C-alpha cells in the first residue's frame, strides 16, 4: 500500500512538470494518454514561474494561463515609445521647421482589452480523448478576433492560433466528453502623453505634443471547454 502511494505521488509530480516545461507550439489532439484513466491534474489551481522567461504559469483541471513578466512588458512598451519619439524627431528634422527637443513622456491611462474564442484546426463538435490526452497550441494561422474596446479609435485583430502536434499543453479533464480548446488573449494598452521643449528656447516649460497608444501582450489563457 505504501509503495502504491509513492508511485501515485511521483506520477502526479511528473504530470505537473510536463505542463510547466512545455514550449510554444500549436493546438492538437494527443490521444496517446494513460490507458483510459482521467489524466486531470486536479481542480486546484497551481502557480509557478518559468525561471528562463519570468512568465507566471497557472495550471488547473483543463486550464493553463501564461502571464508575461512585468519586466518584459515594460521593456517592450518602453522600446515602442522610444522608437516613436525618434521617428518624430527625424520627421521634424526632415521638415526643416523649428520643432522640439528634450522629449519626455508619461503614462496617462492603462487598459487591458482581450480577444477570445476557439482556436483553429478543431472538429466542429470538438474531440473526445478516449485514452486520455491533451490539447497543444501555437500562435498564428487561426481565426482572427478583434480586441475588446480599449481607447477610442484604437483596435487590433488578434489571431487565436491553430492545431499541430507540439506546443503549450492543456490536459483534458476526462475521456468521456467532447472538448474544444478555448483561447483568451489579453493585452496591456497604454495611453501615453509626449512632451517637448521648443528648440528655439529649450529653457521654456515642456509643452504637450501628442498622445501615443502602445500595446503589448499581457497574458494567454487556455481552457478545455466541454461541448
Foldseek 3Di string as FASTA:
>chain_A
DVVVVVVVVVVLVVVVVVQVPFAADAWDWDLPAAQFDFPFSAADKDWDADPVQRWIWIAGGQKIKTFGHPVVQVVVQVVVVVVVVVVVVVVVVVVVDWDFDPKDKDWDDKDKWKWKDFWADAPPQAAANRRWTWIFRHADDTDWTKTPDDDPPDIDIGHFTHGDDGGNTGTHRGRPFGWTKMKMWIKMKTWMWMWGATPVDNVDDIDTDDIDIDMDTGMMMIGTGTD
